[in-house]
Amino acid sequence: MYSSQKQELIDYGNKLISDGYTLGTGGNLSSFIRQDNLMLITPSGIPFDKIELKDIVTMELNGTIVEGTRLPSSEWRMHSIMYEKRDDLNCIIHGHTIYSTALALLGKPLPASHYMIATAGKNVRCARYASFGTEELAINAFEAMKDRKAVLLANHGVLTGGKTMAEAFAVLEELEYCSKVHIIASTVGIPTVMTDDEMANMAIRFETYGQK
């Protein structure tokens, strides 16, 4: 079932590693088959380059496994809550990036110091800390990611989403880039933060950017 979607999770999981957005078995990815109300998610504790199609777990949003013999990612609740409560996200990526996670370790949000953060929202909040794999963390992440496509996870990492896996990954890339330049700029001064009005303008302009 869903072999192409499962392969996409494997491919983007390997891309997380090759592009330096996570290490080892850290991080996880999922897709939501909305018409069947089923979630596909990477398994727990298996290196991305060792994951095969049969290792991807198919499950209901309540945690019931429908297909697969592996245990799902310990963070499955953090994925399922997004699909349950939002209709604009079909793919979720959790990574252990460097610069955006550095902000999360400080418990700080990423402000709109660079306009490209508009891919995620007018800024990116930092969710309150909770232990990994817990329902508390899932709730904290959901609350902090409202009206956004990304959230920083305190003392942990980042979570991004999109209608497609390509969009979720693009948000992750832009979040990491914006975090990097924000941190670098902060070492020599105080970055200028763009106004909410200008970020609203950016959101509108992004809707018509690129080829149709």
Protein backbone atom coordinates (compact mmCIF):
# COMPACT_ATOMS: atom_id res chain seq x y z
CA MET A 1 0.00 0.00 0.00
CA TYR A 2 1.12 3.56 -0.82
CA SER A 3 4.54 2.49 -2.13
CA SER A 4 5.29 5.82 -3.85
CA GLN A 5 4.50 7.82 -0.70
CA LYS A 6 6.61 5.47 1.40
CA GLN A 7 9.54 5.82 -1.00
CA GLU A 8 9.21 9.59 -0.76
CA LEU A 9 9.61 9.38 3.03
CA ILE A 10 12.77 7.30 2.56
CA ASP A 11 14.18 9.66 -0.07
CA TYR A 12 13.60 12.79 1.98
CA GLY A 13 14.86 11.08 5.13
CA ASN A 14 18.15 10.41 3.36
CA LYS A 15 18.14 14.02 2.14
CA LEU A 16 17.85 15.18 5.77
CA ILE A 17 21.10 13.33 6.46
CA SER A 18 22.96 14.29 3.27
CA ASP A 19 22.05 17.98 3.62
CA GLY A 20 23.10 18.07 7.27
CA TYR A 21 19.68 18.67 8.81
CA THR A 22 19.87 15.76 11.25
CA LEU A 23 22.29 13.05 12.44
CA GLY A 24 22.02 9.32 12.97
CA THR A 25 18.47 8.25 13.67
CA GLY A 26 17.40 11.70 14.84
CA GLY A 27 14.40 13.20 13.10
CA ASN A 28 11.33 11.67 11.47
CA LEU A 29 8.98 12.22 8.54
CA SER A 30 5.34 11.48 7.81
CA SER A 31 2.66 11.82 5.15
CA PHE A 32 -1.09 11.91 5.64
CA ILE A 33 -3.31 9.99 3.24
CA ARG A 34 -6.24 12.26 3.89
CA GLN A 35 -8.82 10.38 1.82
CA ASP A 36 -8.16 7.22 3.86
CA ASN A 37 -7.44 9.00 7.16
CA LEU A 38 -4.14 7.12 7.49
CA MET A 39 -0.65 8.33 8.37
CA LEU A 40 2.60 6.94 6.96
CA ILE A 41 5.59 7.53 9.25
CA THR A 42 9.22 6.51 9.47
CA PRO A 43 10.11 3.80 12.02
CA SER A 44 11.80 4.36 15.35
CA GLY A 45 15.56 3.96 15.70
CA ILE A 46 16.48 2.81 12.18
CA PRO A 47 19.09 4.83 10.23
CA PHE A 48 17.51 6.46 7.19
CA ASP A 49 19.83 4.69 4.76
CA LYS A 50 18.68 1.34 6.16
CA ILE A 51 14.93 1.97 5.94
CA GLU A 52 13.05 -0.09 3.35
CA LEU A 53 9.47 0.22 2.12
CA LYS A 54 8.33 -2.54 4.49
CA ASP A 55 9.71 -0.56 7.45
CA ILE A 56 7.44 2.45 6.92
CA VAL A 57 4.52 2.25 9.37
CA THR A 58 0.92 2.84 8.27
CA MET A 59 -1.25 3.88 11.18
CA GLU A 60 -4.42 5.61 12.26
CA LEU A 61 -4.10 9.00 13.94
CA ASN A 62 -4.97 7.43 17.31
CA GLY A 63 -1.86 5.24 17.15
CA THR A 64 -3.39 2.00 15.86
CA ILE A 65 -0.98 0.31 13.44
CA VAL A 66 -2.68 -0.78 10.22
CA GLU A 67 0.33 -2.08 8.29
CA GLY A 68 3.96 -2.78 9.21
CA THR A 69 5.90 -4.74 11.80
CA ARG A 70 8.09 -1.88 13.02
CA LEU A 71 7.39 0.53 15.84
CA PRO A 72 6.60 4.01 14.52
CA SER A 73 8.71 7.03 15.38
CA SER A 74 8.42 7.93 19.04
CA GLU A 75 7.22 11.35 17.87
CA TRP A 76 4.14 10.01 16.04
CA ARG A 77 1.83 12.02 18.29
CA MET A 78 3.54 15.25 17.21
CA HIS A 79 2.70 14.36 13.60
CA SER A 80 -0.82 13.04 14.12
CA ILE A 81 -2.03 16.06 16.08
CA MET A 82 -1.19 18.29 13.13
CA TYR A 83 -3.17 16.14 10.70
CA GLU A 84 -6.07 15.82 13.11
CA LYS A 85 -6.44 19.53 13.77
CA ARG A 86 -5.23 21.13 10.51
CA ASP A 87 -6.36 20.65 6.94
CA ASP A 88 -3.52 22.59 5.29
CA LEU A 89 -0.75 20.10 6.14
CA ASN A 90 -0.28 16.70 4.50
CA CYS A 91 3.44 16.22 5.23
CA ILE A 92 5.52 16.81 8.37
CA ILE A 93 9.30 16.80 8.88
CA HIS A 94 11.09 16.83 12.23
CA GLY A 95 14.81 17.53 12.11
CA HIS A 96 17.74 18.23 14.41
CA THR A 97 19.17 21.18 12.50
CA ILE A 98 22.10 23.30 13.73
CA TYR A 99 21.19 26.99 13.68
CA SER A 100 17.43 26.79 14.19
CA THR A 101 17.95 24.27 16.99
CA ALA A 102 20.48 26.67 18.53
CA LEU A 103 17.67 29.22 18.83
CA ALA A 104 15.45 26.50 20.31
CA LEU A 105 18.13 25.81 22.95
CA LEU A 106 17.90 29.47 23.91
CA GLY A 107 14.12 29.21 24.04
CA LYS A 108 13.88 32.08 21.58
CA PRO A 109 11.56 32.55 18.59
CA LEU A 110 12.95 33.41 15.18
CA PRO A 111 11.75 36.93 14.32
CA ALA A 112 11.26 38.29 10.82
CA SER A 113 14.82 39.52 10.36
CA HIS A 114 14.87 38.01 6.84
CA TYR A 115 11.84 38.14 4.57
CA MET A 116 12.17 34.48 3.52
CA ILE A 117 10.85 33.40 6.89
CA ALA A 118 7.47 34.22 5.33
CA THR A 119 7.53 30.68 3.91
CA ALA A 120 6.74 29.58 7.47
CA GLY A 121 4.81 32.58 8.75
CA LYS A 122 5.45 36.09 10.00
CA ASN A 123 7.86 34.54 12.53
CA VAL A 124 8.55 31.13 14.07
CA ARG A 125 7.65 30.57 17.71
CA CYS A 126 9.46 28.31 20.18
CA ALA A 127 7.27 25.68 21.83
CA ARG A 128 7.50 25.03 25.56
CA TYR A 129 9.79 22.17 26.51
CA ALA A 130 8.47 18.65 27.06
CA SER A 131 10.16 15.26 26.90
CA PHE A 132 10.50 13.73 23.45
CA GLY A 133 7.77 11.37 22.32
CA THR A 134 5.18 12.64 24.80
CA GLU A 135 1.66 13.89 24.24
CA GLU A 136 2.67 17.05 26.09
CA LEU A 137 5.30 17.81 23.46
CA ALA A 138 2.78 17.19 20.68
CA ILE A 139 0.32 19.64 22.26
CA ASN A 140 3.03 22.25 22.87
CA ALA A 141 4.22 21.97 19.26
CA PHE A 142 0.69 22.27 17.88
CA GLU A 143 -0.09 25.36 19.95
CA ALA A 144 3.13 27.13 18.98
CA MET A 145 2.73 26.23 15.30
CA LYS A 146 -0.77 27.71 14.91
CA ASP A 147 -0.96 29.87 11.76
CA ARG A 148 2.60 28.80 10.93
CA LYS A 149 4.30 26.05 8.94
CA ALA A 150 7.21 25.67 11.36
CA VAL A 151 7.95 25.61 15.06
CA LEU A 152 11.10 25.48 17.17
CA LEU A 153 11.07 22.77 19.85
CA ALA A 154 12.79 23.95 23.03
CA ASN A 155 16.05 22.06 23.77
CA HIS A 156 15.27 19.66 20.93
CA GLY A 157 14.93 20.60 17.26
CA VAL A 158 12.44 21.84 14.68
CA LEU A 159 9.19 20.77 13.03
CA THR A 160 7.95 21.92 9.61
CA GLY A 161 4.97 21.09 7.45
CA GLY A 162 3.41 21.60 4.06
CA LYS A 163 0.85 20.30 1.61
CA THR A 164 3.64 18.26 -0.01
CA MET A 165 6.91 16.81 1.20
CA ALA A 166 8.76 19.18 -1.13
CA GLU A 167 7.08 22.15 0.55
CA ALA A 168 7.76 20.86 4.07
CA PHE A 169 11.43 20.38 3.17
CA ALA A 170 11.65 23.84 1.56
CA VAL A 171 10.27 25.38 4.77
CA LEU A 172 12.92 23.47 6.75
CA GLU A 173 15.67 24.79 4.45
CA GLU A 174 14.50 28.40 4.69
CA LEU A 175 14.07 28.13 8.46
CA GLU A 176 17.64 26.92 8.83
CA TYR A 177 19.01 29.62 6.49
CA CYS A 178 17.11 32.42 8.23
CA SER A 179 18.22 31.12 11.63
CA LYS A 180 21.84 31.03 10.48
CA VAL A 181 21.95 34.61 9.18
CA HIS A 182 20.00 35.84 12.23
CA ILE A 183 22.52 34.29 14.61
CA ILE A 184 25.47 35.62 12.60
CA ALA A 185 24.00 39.13 12.48
CA SER A 186 23.29 38.97 16.22
CA THR A 187 26.99 38.52 16.96
CA VAL A 188 27.80 41.98 15.60
CA GLY A 189 24.61 43.90 16.36
CA ILE A 190 20.86 43.73 16.73
CA PRO A 191 19.09 42.51 13.58
CA THR A 192 16.35 44.73 12.23
CA VAL A 193 12.98 43.00 12.46
CA MET A 194 10.45 43.57 9.69
CA THR A 195 6.97 44.81 10.61
CA ASP A 196 3.87 42.60 10.68
CA ASP A 197 2.43 44.66 7.83
CA GLU A 198 5.44 43.96 5.62
CA MET A 199 5.34 40.26 6.47
CA ALA A 200 1.66 40.19 5.53
CA ASN A 201 2.69 41.81 2.25
CA MET A 202 5.34 39.11 1.79
CA ALA A 203 2.74 36.38 2.32
CA ILE A 204 0.60 37.87 -0.45
CA ARG A 205 3.56 38.31 -2.80
CA PHE A 206 4.68 34.72 -2.23
CA GLU A 207 1.28 33.52 -3.50
CA THR A 208 2.07 34.87 -6.97
CA TYR A 209 5.81 34.13 -6.99
CA GLY A 210 7.23 31.74 -9.60
CA GLN A 211 5.71 30.00 -12.58
CA LYS A 212 2.06 29.07 -12.81
